Amino acid sequence: VSVNKTTGDFSGWAWGGDVVGWIHFADALYKVRTCFDFNRAPTITITKDPNSAKSFCGVDPNNKDEGLVGFEWKYDDADNDSQAQYQIQIATDSSFVNKVVDCTIPQVVSSGGTGTASATVAPSPSTNCSSAHLEIPYGGEGNWYYWRVKVQDARGKWSGASGQPGVQFDTPTHAKPWPDFLCNGVDCSTIKPFLGQTIQFTDASQLFGGASFSSWAWTFENGDPANSAIQNPPSVKFSIAGSGSKNGIGLTVTDNKPYSCSVSKSIKFYTSSPKWRGVHP
């Protein structure tokens, strides 16, 4: 005898020797349906490759040596139960023997919705499952991490894991550069230059993992010069301004790995007003 978990209908044959002998369920004369509810396991489908959801430039100004990897899956439940929590594992082997993350984290997602998680990539990682803060160390290109996830519905039923051997991804060997610069020795947002003035730009970038600088690439909108490859351009003149009276400044820094990251800022320029002074007739 079997039960259709969608309709609750019994089917097949059963023997009742004391009274009726063989009974055929689900025919026209003898149909039996359960009065209790079945809870079917939810299912998940990975919807984003973490290699397309990695970021290692300008992630967190408070932790400039950190990167981020994102994870995403589609949650489905045939009983329309919501996702209640997920268990995520990240390992350095496809058998998940050497796990660097193994956390169960509450997260409510409606059936048909998208579940998400993220892991910070840090020089000295420290995962805290209770606050849903996942961290993994920098591993280097070609040194693969593997991840998998399973979910639990609101009535306690777990799905299977998201697949073997798990979706793989890698990270840089160390943090990428954090490019930054000053204008006339101060924060660029604090200066109020007039058109025709020159500005000195000073590199304030940071490198990590023992890296050294390899190159700088500056661009100056409406500037003279329009670009530069030296670390600290001493004198750039702006005679006209772009949209909103602003000119954009860009800097790309490359270390000796080589890893590169870019930053852009805009400077508002003012038109100097004529100065009047009184004279005797």
Protein backbone atom coordinates (compact mmCIF):
# COMPACT_ATOMS: atom_id res chain seq x y z
CA VAL A 1 0.00 0.00 0.00
CA SER A 2 1.27 3.48 -0.85
CA VAL A 3 0.02 6.99 -0.16
CA ASN A 4 -0.07 9.91 -2.57
CA LYS A 5 1.49 12.70 -0.49
CA THR A 6 -0.22 15.37 -2.56
CA THR A 7 -3.82 14.08 -2.37
CA GLY A 8 -3.52 11.80 0.68
CA ASP A 9 -5.13 8.93 -1.28
CA PHE A 10 -4.13 5.32 -0.57
CA SER A 11 -3.48 2.93 -3.47
CA GLY A 12 -2.62 -0.76 -3.76
CA TRP A 13 -3.83 -3.91 -2.02
CA ALA A 14 -4.08 -4.95 1.64
CA TRP A 15 -5.05 -8.27 3.26
CA GLY A 16 -7.69 -8.38 5.96
CA GLY A 17 -8.00 -12.11 6.78
CA ASP A 18 -10.40 -11.77 9.74
CA VAL A 19 -13.23 -10.27 7.72
CA VAL A 20 -12.91 -9.33 4.06
CA GLY A 21 -9.70 -10.78 2.65
CA TRP A 22 -8.00 -8.66 0.01
CA ILE A 23 -8.94 -4.98 -0.16
CA HIS A 24 -8.14 -2.82 -3.17
CA PHE A 25 -7.62 0.82 -2.23
CA ALA A 26 -8.37 3.69 -4.60
CA ASP A 27 -10.84 1.85 -6.81
CA ALA A 28 -14.39 3.00 -7.44
CA LEU A 29 -15.83 1.06 -4.49
CA TYR A 30 -13.23 1.50 -1.78
CA LYS A 31 -11.38 4.80 -1.66
CA VAL A 32 -9.41 5.82 1.42
CA ARG A 33 -7.87 9.23 2.07
CA THR A 34 -5.78 10.30 5.05
CA CYS A 35 -6.97 13.00 7.42
CA PHE A 36 -3.45 14.16 8.31
CA ASP A 37 -1.03 16.37 6.42
CA PHE A 38 2.26 15.29 4.88
CA ASN A 39 5.28 17.58 5.02
CA ARG A 40 7.35 17.16 1.90
CA ALA A 41 11.00 18.15 1.84
CA PRO A 42 11.83 21.53 0.29
CA THR A 43 14.16 21.75 -2.69
CA ILE A 44 16.90 24.21 -3.59
CA THR A 45 18.61 25.21 -6.82
CA ILE A 46 21.88 27.15 -6.93
CA THR A 47 21.14 30.31 -8.94
CA LYS A 48 24.47 32.16 -8.94
CA ASP A 49 28.06 31.08 -9.45
CA PRO A 50 30.06 32.59 -6.56
CA ASN A 51 32.86 33.32 -9.04
CA SER A 52 30.56 35.96 -10.53
CA ALA A 53 29.68 37.28 -7.07
CA LYS A 54 33.17 38.00 -5.76
CA SER A 55 34.43 41.47 -4.90
CA PHE A 56 37.93 42.40 -3.77
CA CYS A 57 38.09 46.14 -4.53
CA GLY A 58 36.63 48.79 -2.24
CA VAL A 59 34.49 46.38 -0.20
CA ASP A 60 34.71 47.87 3.30
CA PRO A 61 36.47 51.18 4.14
CA ASN A 62 36.68 50.08 7.78
CA ASN A 63 38.40 46.80 6.85
CA LYS A 64 40.35 47.63 3.72
CA ASP A 65 42.10 44.25 3.50
CA GLU A 66 38.87 42.26 3.18
CA GLY A 67 36.93 40.88 0.22
CA LEU A 68 33.49 39.35 -0.17
CA VAL A 69 31.97 36.26 -1.83
CA GLY A 70 28.21 35.93 -2.34
CA PHE A 71 26.03 32.81 -2.47
CA GLU A 72 22.47 32.46 -3.76
CA TRP A 73 19.86 29.73 -4.15
CA LYS A 74 16.19 29.39 -5.12
CA TYR A 75 13.96 27.92 -2.43
CA ASP A 76 10.90 25.85 -3.37
CA ASP A 77 8.46 23.98 -1.15
CA ALA A 78 5.62 21.86 -2.56
CA ASP A 79 3.58 22.52 0.59
CA ASN A 80 4.20 26.28 0.30
CA ASP A 81 6.07 26.33 3.62
CA SER A 82 8.60 29.12 4.09
CA GLN A 83 12.30 28.51 4.57
CA ALA A 84 13.16 28.86 8.26
CA GLN A 85 16.94 28.43 8.26
CA TYR A 86 19.85 27.21 6.18
CA GLN A 87 23.04 25.30 6.83
CA ILE A 88 26.04 26.41 4.78
CA GLN A 89 29.38 24.64 4.59
CA ILE A 90 32.58 25.86 2.93
CA ALA A 91 35.54 23.51 2.65
CA THR A 92 38.94 23.26 1.00
CA ASP A 93 38.14 19.81 -0.42
CA SER A 94 35.24 18.49 -2.48
CA SER A 95 34.47 15.82 0.15
CA PHE A 96 33.90 18.52 2.79
CA VAL A 97 36.30 16.92 5.25
CA ASN A 98 38.28 20.13 5.81
CA LYS A 99 35.55 22.66 6.50
CA VAL A 100 36.38 26.30 7.20
CA VAL A 101 32.70 27.27 7.67
CA ASP A 102 29.85 25.13 9.01
CA CYS A 103 26.95 27.27 10.22
CA THR A 104 23.19 26.97 10.60
CA ILE A 105 21.59 30.40 10.30
CA PRO A 106 17.94 31.55 10.57
CA GLN A 107 16.57 33.12 7.38
CA VAL A 108 12.93 33.32 6.28
CA VAL A 109 12.29 32.93 2.55
CA SER A 110 8.92 32.30 0.91
CA SER A 111 8.55 29.37 -1.44
CA GLY A 112 9.76 30.45 -4.86
CA GLY A 113 12.01 33.08 -3.30
CA THR A 114 15.76 33.50 -3.13
CA GLY A 115 18.02 32.62 -0.21
CA THR A 116 21.33 34.41 0.16
CA ALA A 117 24.51 34.26 2.19
CA SER A 118 27.95 35.86 1.99
CA ALA A 119 31.43 35.18 3.32
CA THR A 120 34.05 37.79 4.10
CA VAL A 121 37.55 36.96 2.87
CA ALA A 122 40.05 38.11 5.49
CA PRO A 123 43.75 37.68 6.38
CA SER A 124 42.80 36.40 9.85
CA PRO A 125 39.26 35.04 9.56
CA SER A 126 36.92 34.62 12.51
CA THR A 127 33.48 33.15 11.77
CA ASN A 128 30.58 33.85 14.14
CA CYS A 129 27.62 31.65 13.23
CA SER A 130 25.26 33.27 15.75
CA SER A 131 25.61 36.66 14.06
CA ALA A 132 25.63 35.16 10.54
CA HIS A 133 29.13 36.53 9.98
CA LEU A 134 31.10 34.05 7.88
CA GLU A 135 34.81 34.50 7.19
CA ILE A 136 37.33 32.50 5.18
CA PRO A 137 41.06 33.09 4.60
CA TYR A 138 42.68 34.21 1.36
CA GLY A 139 43.64 31.06 -0.51
CA GLY A 140 45.13 32.10 -3.84
CA GLU A 141 44.10 31.53 -7.43
CA GLY A 142 43.48 27.88 -8.24
CA ASN A 143 43.27 26.84 -4.58
CA TRP A 144 39.60 26.01 -4.62
CA TYR A 145 36.96 26.42 -2.00
CA TYR A 146 33.80 24.30 -2.25
CA TRP A 147 30.43 25.27 -0.82
CA ARG A 148 27.06 23.64 -0.32
CA VAL A 149 23.82 24.54 1.40
CA LYS A 150 20.70 22.82 2.64
CA VAL A 151 17.55 24.40 4.03
CA GLN A 152 14.86 23.64 6.58
CA ASP A 153 11.23 24.57 6.12
CA ALA A 154 9.01 26.14 8.77
CA ARG A 155 7.75 22.71 9.88
CA GLY A 156 11.21 21.27 10.42
CA LYS A 157 11.79 19.33 7.20
CA TRP A 158 15.28 19.54 5.71
CA SER A 159 16.14 19.52 2.03
CA GLY A 160 19.03 17.58 0.61
CA ALA A 161 22.39 19.32 0.18
CA SER A 162 22.79 21.52 -2.88
CA GLY A 163 24.98 19.07 -4.75
CA GLN A 164 28.31 17.33 -4.86
CA PRO A 165 31.12 18.12 -5.12
CA GLY A 166 29.85 21.62 -4.49
CA VAL A 167 30.24 24.82 -6.48
CA GLN A 168 33.91 25.82 -6.40
CA PHE A 169 35.48 29.28 -6.25
CA ASP A 170 38.85 30.80 -5.42
CA THR A 171 40.23 34.03 -3.98
CA PRO A 172 43.34 36.18 -4.49
CA THR A 173 46.53 35.31 -2.63
CA HIS A 174 46.16 38.48 -0.54
CA ALA A 175 44.02 41.60 -0.41
CA LYS A 176 44.04 43.80 -3.49
CA PRO A 177 45.18 47.45 -3.32
CA TRP A 178 43.03 50.09 -1.65
CA PRO A 179 43.51 53.14 -3.91
CA ASP A 180 43.08 56.61 -2.45
CA PHE A 181 44.49 60.10 -2.92
CA LEU A 182 44.56 63.59 -1.44
CA CYS A 183 44.08 66.96 -3.11
CA ASN A 184 46.54 69.66 -2.04
CA GLY A 185 47.36 67.45 0.93
CA VAL A 186 43.81 67.19 2.30
CA ASP A 187 40.57 65.32 1.69
CA CYS A 188 39.42 66.22 -1.82
CA SER A 189 35.87 66.91 -0.62
CA THR A 190 37.11 69.81 1.51
CA ILE A 191 38.79 71.93 -1.16
CA LYS A 192 37.02 74.68 -3.13
CA PRO A 193 39.28 75.48 -6.07
CA PHE A 194 38.64 78.11 -8.72
CA LEU A 195 38.93 77.36 -12.41
CA GLY A 196 42.43 78.06 -13.60
CA GLN A 197 44.03 76.95 -10.37
CA THR A 198 46.40 74.01 -10.18
CA ILE A 199 45.96 71.10 -7.80
CA GLN A 200 48.59 68.75 -6.44
CA PHE A 201 47.53 65.13 -6.09
CA THR A 202 49.13 62.85 -3.51
CA ASP A 203 48.79 59.09 -3.59
CA ALA A 204 47.39 57.71 -0.30
CA SER A 205 46.85 54.12 -1.42
CA GLN A 206 47.43 51.06 0.75
CA LEU A 207 48.85 47.65 -0.18
CA PHE A 208 48.56 44.37 1.69
CA GLY A 209 50.21 40.99 2.04
CA GLY A 210 53.73 42.37 1.70
CA ALA A 211 53.06 43.66 -1.83
CA SER A 212 54.89 46.59 -3.42
CA PHE A 213 53.66 49.24 -5.85
CA SER A 214 54.00 48.49 -9.53
CA SER A 215 52.18 51.36 -11.25
CA TRP A 216 49.80 54.30 -10.95
CA ALA A 217 47.42 55.45 -13.68
CA TRP A 218 45.76 58.84 -13.19
CA THR A 219 43.04 60.46 -15.30
CA PHE A 220 42.02 64.11 -14.95
CA GLU A 221 38.80 65.22 -16.62
CA ASN A 222 39.43 68.55 -18.38
CA GLY A 223 42.85 68.61 -16.77
CA ASP A 224 46.25 69.64 -18.08
CA PRO A 225 47.77 67.10 -18.24
CA ALA A 226 44.84 64.75 -18.88
CA ASN A 227 46.64 61.78 -17.37
CA SER A 228 49.75 60.81 -15.47
CA ALA A 229 51.70 57.68 -14.55
CA ILE A 230 53.71 59.09 -11.63
CA GLN A 231 52.79 58.46 -8.01
CA ASN A 232 52.20 62.08 -6.98
CA PRO A 233 51.33 64.42 -9.87
CA PRO A 234 52.61 67.81 -8.68
CA SER A 235 50.62 70.29 -10.74
CA VAL A 236 47.39 69.71 -12.67
CA LYS A 237 45.50 72.72 -14.02
CA PHE A 238 41.76 72.78 -14.65
CA SER A 239 40.52 75.64 -16.85
CA ILE A 240 37.03 74.31 -17.54
CA ALA A 241 34.57 72.20 -15.58
CA GLY A 242 32.30 69.37 -16.61
CA SER A 243 28.72 68.55 -15.65
CA GLY A 244 27.59 70.22 -12.44
CA SER A 245 30.78 72.32 -12.40
CA LYS A 246 32.67 69.15 -11.45
CA ASN A 247 35.63 67.29 -12.91
CA GLY A 248 36.28 63.62 -12.27
CA ILE A 249 39.61 62.29 -11.06
CA GLY A 250 40.47 58.61 -11.41
CA LEU A 251 43.33 56.54 -10.02
CA THR A 252 44.16 52.89 -10.73
CA VAL A 253 46.82 51.32 -8.53
CA THR A 254 48.58 48.06 -9.38
CA ASP A 255 50.78 46.03 -7.06
CA ASN A 256 53.52 43.57 -8.01
CA LYS A 257 51.21 40.50 -8.01
CA PRO A 258 49.77 42.19 -10.16
CA TYR A 259 46.42 43.09 -8.57
CA SER A 260 44.69 46.33 -9.55
CA CYS A 261 41.87 48.42 -8.10
CA SER A 262 40.50 51.83 -9.05
CA VAL A 263 38.92 54.79 -7.31
CA SER A 264 37.27 57.93 -8.65
CA LYS A 265 36.37 61.23 -7.04
CA SER A 266 34.89 64.47 -8.30
CA ILE A 267 35.98 67.99 -7.50
CA LYS A 268 33.68 70.98 -7.80
CA PHE A 269 35.26 74.08 -9.31
CA TYR A 270 34.16 77.65 -8.77
CA THR A 271 34.30 80.68 -11.03
CA SER A 272 36.17 83.51 -9.35
CA SER A 273 34.09 86.66 -8.92
CA PRO A 274 35.48 90.09 -9.84
CA LYS A 275 36.78 92.06 -6.88
CA TRP A 276 35.52 95.64 -6.58
CA ARG A 277 37.20 98.47 -4.78
CA GLY A 278 36.12 102.04 -4.42
CA VAL A 279 38.13 104.92 -5.94
CA HIS A 280 37.87 108.68 -5.62
CA PRO A 281 36.50 110.52 -8.64
